[in-house]
Protein backbone atom coordinates (compact mmCIF):
# COMPACT_ATOMS: atom_id res chain seq x y z
CA MET A 1 92.88 96.07 107.99
CA ARG A 2 90.23 98.66 106.80
CA LEU A 3 91.03 100.47 103.69
CA THR A 4 87.31 102.15 103.03
CA GLU A 5 84.22 101.70 104.58
CA LYS A 6 83.29 98.84 103.10
CA VAL A 7 86.54 97.46 102.39
CA TYR A 8 89.20 95.44 104.50
CA LEU A 9 92.29 93.18 103.74
CA VAL A 10 92.07 90.42 106.10
CA GLY A 11 94.97 88.49 103.89
CA SER A 12 98.27 89.32 102.87
CA GLY A 13 101.61 87.33 102.61
CA ASN A 14 103.52 90.42 101.02
CA ILE A 15 102.84 92.64 104.67
CA GLY A 16 102.99 89.41 106.81
CA LEU A 17 99.06 89.85 107.04
CA SER A 18 98.78 85.94 106.80
CA HIS A 19 100.66 83.35 105.57
CA GLN A 20 103.94 84.51 103.21
CA THR A 21 102.37 82.44 100.12
CA ASP A 22 98.92 83.93 100.61
CA PRO A 23 98.03 86.84 98.01
CA ASN A 24 95.68 90.01 98.81
CA ILE A 25 92.64 88.91 100.20
CA TYR A 26 89.48 91.47 100.47
CA LEU A 27 86.81 91.19 102.61
CA LEU A 28 83.17 92.96 101.16
CA GLU A 29 80.50 94.40 103.73
CA GLY A 30 77.85 94.97 102.15
CA GLY A 31 75.31 95.83 105.39
CA GLY A 32 75.55 92.28 107.27
CA VAL A 33 76.56 90.62 104.00
CA LEU A 34 80.43 89.52 103.62
CA ALA A 35 82.02 88.17 100.56
CA LEU A 36 85.60 87.31 100.25
CA ILE A 37 87.59 87.82 97.13
CA ASP A 38 90.27 85.47 96.75
CA ALA A 39 90.83 82.48 98.99
CA GLY A 40 94.52 82.28 99.57
CA SER A 41 96.76 79.41 99.30
CA GLY A 42 95.71 77.51 101.71
CA ILE A 43 98.33 77.18 103.97
CA ARG A 44 98.03 78.37 107.58
CA PRO A 45 94.22 79.79 106.31
CA GLU A 46 93.05 79.99 110.15
CA LEU A 47 95.34 83.29 109.71
CA ILE A 48 92.99 85.34 107.59
CA LEU A 49 89.94 83.69 109.87
CA GLN A 50 91.49 85.59 112.60
CA ASN A 51 91.73 88.69 110.72
CA ILE A 52 88.27 88.66 109.84
CA GLN A 53 87.32 87.75 113.33
CA LYS A 54 89.57 90.74 114.93
CA ASN A 55 87.72 93.10 112.66
CA GLY A 56 84.09 92.43 114.08
CA PHE A 57 82.78 90.28 111.85
CA ARG A 58 81.62 86.54 112.15
CA LEU A 59 81.83 83.67 109.69
CA GLU A 60 78.67 82.97 109.15
CA GLU A 61 78.04 86.33 107.72
CA ILE A 62 80.23 85.41 104.36
CA LYS A 63 78.21 84.58 101.90
CA PHE A 64 80.29 84.22 98.87
CA ILE A 65 84.19 83.62 97.92
CA ILE A 66 84.91 84.94 94.70
CA ASN A 67 88.32 83.90 92.74
CA THR A 68 89.85 86.52 90.71
CA HIS A 69 91.49 83.08 89.14
CA ALA A 70 92.32 79.48 89.52
CA HIS A 71 95.96 79.74 90.43
CA TRP A 72 97.45 77.75 93.68
CA ASP A 73 97.79 80.66 95.78
CA HIS A 74 94.90 82.53 94.91
CA ALA A 75 92.33 79.23 95.09
CA ARG A 76 93.61 76.28 96.91
CA GLY A 77 92.22 77.88 100.28
CA SER A 78 88.71 77.80 98.62
CA ALA A 79 88.09 74.28 100.43
CA TYR A 80 88.68 74.95 103.69
CA LEU A 81 86.85 78.52 103.92
CA LYS A 82 84.09 77.40 102.07
CA GLU A 83 83.84 74.36 104.18
CA LEU A 84 83.90 76.90 107.68
CA THR A 85 81.52 79.69 106.20
CA ARG A 86 79.30 77.79 103.95
CA ALA A 87 79.83 80.35 101.54
CA LYS A 88 79.49 80.25 97.65
CA LEU A 89 81.91 79.72 96.02
CA LEU A 90 82.20 81.83 92.00
CA ILE A 91 84.62 81.04 89.48
CA HIS A 92 85.05 81.88 85.86
CA GLU A 93 83.91 78.78 83.70
CA LEU A 94 87.48 78.52 82.70
CA GLY A 95 89.10 77.91 86.62
CA VAL A 96 86.10 75.44 87.33
CA GLU A 97 88.31 72.29 86.54
CA ILE A 98 91.64 73.30 88.21
CA VAL A 99 89.83 73.75 91.70
CA GLN A 100 87.45 71.10 91.70
CA ASN A 101 89.55 68.29 89.76
CA LYS A 102 92.97 69.35 88.73
CA LEU A 103 94.14 70.55 91.53
CA TRP A 104 97.52 71.98 90.76
CA PRO A 105 99.50 68.85 90.19
CA ASP A 106 102.56 70.96 88.67
CA GLY A 107 102.27 73.03 91.53
CA TYR A 108 105.25 73.09 94.26
CA LEU A 109 103.13 71.90 97.00
CA ALA A 110 102.30 68.90 94.41
CA LYS A 111 105.52 68.24 93.69
CA ARG A 112 106.75 67.85 97.28
CA GLY A 113 104.20 65.02 97.80
CA ILE A 114 101.77 67.93 99.33
CA GLY A 115 98.12 67.01 98.17
CA SER A 116 95.19 70.00 98.19
CA ARG A 117 91.33 69.18 98.69
CA PRO A 118 88.63 69.53 95.84
CA THR A 119 85.81 72.01 96.14
CA LYS A 120 82.76 72.47 94.26
CA VAL A 121 81.91 75.85 92.67
CA ASP A 122 78.60 77.40 93.09
CA LYS A 123 78.02 79.53 90.68
CA ILE A 124 79.83 80.25 87.41
CA VAL A 125 80.85 83.82 86.95
CA LYS A 126 81.14 85.72 82.99
CA ASP A 127 81.67 88.89 81.37
CA ARG A 128 79.42 91.62 82.30
CA ASP A 129 77.79 89.31 85.29
CA THR A 130 76.79 91.44 88.35
CA LEU A 131 76.38 90.02 91.60
CA GLU A 132 74.70 91.90 95.09
CA VAL A 133 76.40 91.13 98.14
CA GLY A 134 74.15 93.03 100.72
CA ASP A 135 73.62 96.84 99.76
CA ILE A 136 77.11 96.28 97.35
CA ARG A 137 76.72 96.28 93.64
CA LEU A 138 79.93 93.91 91.63
CA THR A 139 80.58 94.09 88.01
CA ILE A 140 82.81 90.92 86.60
CA TYR A 141 85.32 91.55 83.73
CA HIS A 142 86.56 88.57 82.35
CA THR A 143 90.31 89.60 81.53
CA PRO A 144 92.02 86.50 80.02
CA GLY A 145 96.06 87.41 79.92
CA HIS A 146 97.51 86.39 83.00
CA SER A 147 95.60 83.26 82.84
CA ASN A 148 92.75 82.36 80.89
CA ASP A 149 90.30 82.38 83.22
CA SER A 150 91.33 85.48 85.23
CA ILE A 151 88.95 88.14 86.29
CA CYS A 152 88.61 91.95 87.26
CA ILE A 153 85.66 93.17 90.02
CA LEU A 154 84.57 96.57 89.51
CA MET A 155 82.79 97.88 92.87
CA GLN A 156 81.45 101.44 93.56
CA GLU A 157 81.47 103.07 96.78
CA GLY A 158 80.48 106.58 96.62
CA ASP A 159 81.92 108.63 94.18
CA LYS A 160 85.01 105.83 93.41
CA LYS A 161 85.33 103.36 91.54
CA LEU A 162 87.00 100.28 93.21
CA LEU A 163 88.88 97.82 90.56
CA PHE A 164 90.36 94.31 92.40
CA SER A 165 92.29 93.09 89.44
CA GLY A 166 93.38 89.91 90.87
CA ASP A 167 97.20 89.35 88.95
CA THR A 168 95.79 90.97 85.47
CA ILE A 169 97.20 94.67 86.76
CA LEU A 170 99.27 95.56 89.78
CA ALA A 171 100.45 98.86 91.06
CA GLU A 172 102.85 100.71 89.17
CA GLY A 173 102.02 99.32 85.68
CA LEU A 174 102.91 96.05 86.38
CA THR A 175 102.02 92.41 85.02
CA GLY A 176 101.10 89.63 86.94
CA THR A 177 103.77 86.39 86.20
CA VAL A 178 104.54 86.05 82.47
CA THR A 179 105.59 82.81 80.73
CA ALA A 180 106.38 81.84 76.85
CA GLU A 181 102.58 80.79 76.87
CA THR A 182 101.11 84.06 77.70
CA ASN A 183 98.70 85.23 75.23
CA PHE A 184 99.85 88.66 75.35
CA ALA A 185 97.47 89.91 72.79
CA ASN A 186 94.68 89.14 75.13
CA TYR A 187 96.47 90.31 78.00
CA ARG A 188 96.96 93.99 76.18
CA ASP A 189 93.46 93.67 75.48
CA SER A 190 91.78 92.86 78.62
CA VAL A 191 94.25 96.09 80.03
CA LEU A 192 93.30 98.01 77.35
CA ARG A 193 89.68 97.61 78.49
CA MET A 194 90.32 98.01 82.19
CA ALA A 195 92.03 101.48 81.65
CA GLU A 196 88.39 102.59 80.06
CA LEU A 197 87.26 102.39 83.17
CA ASP A 198 89.08 104.97 85.05
CA CYS A 199 89.17 103.95 88.35
CA ASP A 200 89.88 105.78 91.57
CA MET A 201 91.36 102.21 93.59
CA LEU A 202 93.17 99.89 92.56
CA LEU A 203 93.10 96.58 94.46
CA PRO A 204 95.39 94.07 93.09
CA GLY A 205 96.22 89.96 94.08
CA HIS A 206 100.01 91.23 95.37
CA LYS A 207 101.89 94.10 96.11
CA LEU A 208 100.67 97.56 96.77
CA PHE A 209 97.08 98.61 96.77
CA VAL A 210 96.41 102.29 95.63
CA ILE A 211 93.62 104.64 96.82
CA ALA A 212 93.83 107.41 94.65
CA ASP A 213 94.65 108.24 90.91
CA ALA A 214 94.73 104.80 89.81
CA SER A 215 93.60 105.10 86.54
CA GLU A 216 97.02 105.82 86.13
CA HIS A 217 98.78 102.74 87.41
CA VAL A 218 96.22 100.91 84.42
CA LYS A 219 97.06 103.28 82.13
CA LEU A 220 100.93 102.55 82.55
CA LEU A 221 100.59 98.96 82.17
CA ALA A 222 98.51 99.54 79.16
CA GLU A 223 101.38 101.56 77.24
CA LYS A 224 104.24 99.00 78.04
CA LEU A 225 101.66 95.84 76.88
CA THR A 226 101.44 98.29 73.69
CA GLY A 227 104.81 98.59 73.76
CA ARG A 228 108.31 96.65 73.27
CA TRP A 229 109.28 93.41 74.63
CA ARG A 230 111.88 94.46 76.87
CA ASP A 231 109.32 96.77 78.75
CA LEU A 232 107.39 94.44 79.88
CA VAL A 233 109.35 91.24 81.01
CA MET A 234 111.30 91.28 83.96
CA GLY A 235 112.43 88.16 85.66
CA PRO A 236 111.44 86.11 88.89
CA THR A 237 109.93 88.40 91.41
CA PRO A 238 111.11 88.08 94.84
CA PHE A 239 108.55 87.59 97.72
CA PHE A 240 106.18 86.41 95.61
CA PRO A 241 104.28 83.12 97.08
CA GLY A 242 106.12 80.48 94.66
CA TRP A 243 109.82 82.41 96.01
CA TRP A 244 108.77 81.65 99.38
CA LEU A 245 108.75 78.12 98.46
CA GLN A 246 111.49 78.13 96.65
CA HIS A 247 113.79 79.81 99.52
CA ARG A 248 112.34 78.57 102.37
CA PRO A 249 112.17 74.45 102.75
CA SER A 250 110.45 75.07 105.96
CA LEU A 251 107.20 75.96 104.38
CA TYR A 252 106.28 72.97 103.61
CA GLU A 253 106.15 71.47 106.66
CA GLU A 254 103.19 74.05 107.22
CA ALA A 255 101.40 72.51 104.41
């Protein structure tokens, strides 16, 4: 699914584009050089590859896989996609141990005895790092809050600012999953910082993407994080990756 001249949506469990447990997975086309933002849950990853090929791209053109954070639904598919594409895997330094060694021992799949494959991180990204994907220039922002290793990625396309926000910022002023362990002070500071970017498009890890006036969605979350507790905290979110595994046990067979 083409979103802009240079951005494609190639995975999304939310809209049925790939497995139910996948987040939104984006493909960047930098003039013959490709990058993936996030790698999915690793359950039926061939669906993602099929979408890439349906859009006319070859797997060997993918040079980078950039994980917005190391939660299982975003990063568990890294080993599979890296093996097939030979792309370099990038993640924040605080996520390295998870994808190389820990492998989500407390996750839904591990509790059912379904293992995960480790994979080597090729490059650690840090705050304000830049990355060239062909003729695309990306700027990395470390945005702890949803997780300690969360990043957002800013891209300029023409006169538009695109923000790939992972689970740090969702459309309509929503957060990714938060718990009693969440550092809300860090989360607030991260979102306030992203609000200053005044982005035009918001391309989050779940739910809707926004192609105009995206800064208003970011500002709404910033207001919530500086407001009252009851404005922010919600119950479990239907149709998120973990929800599917809780409500449809047959999906474990596909893993």
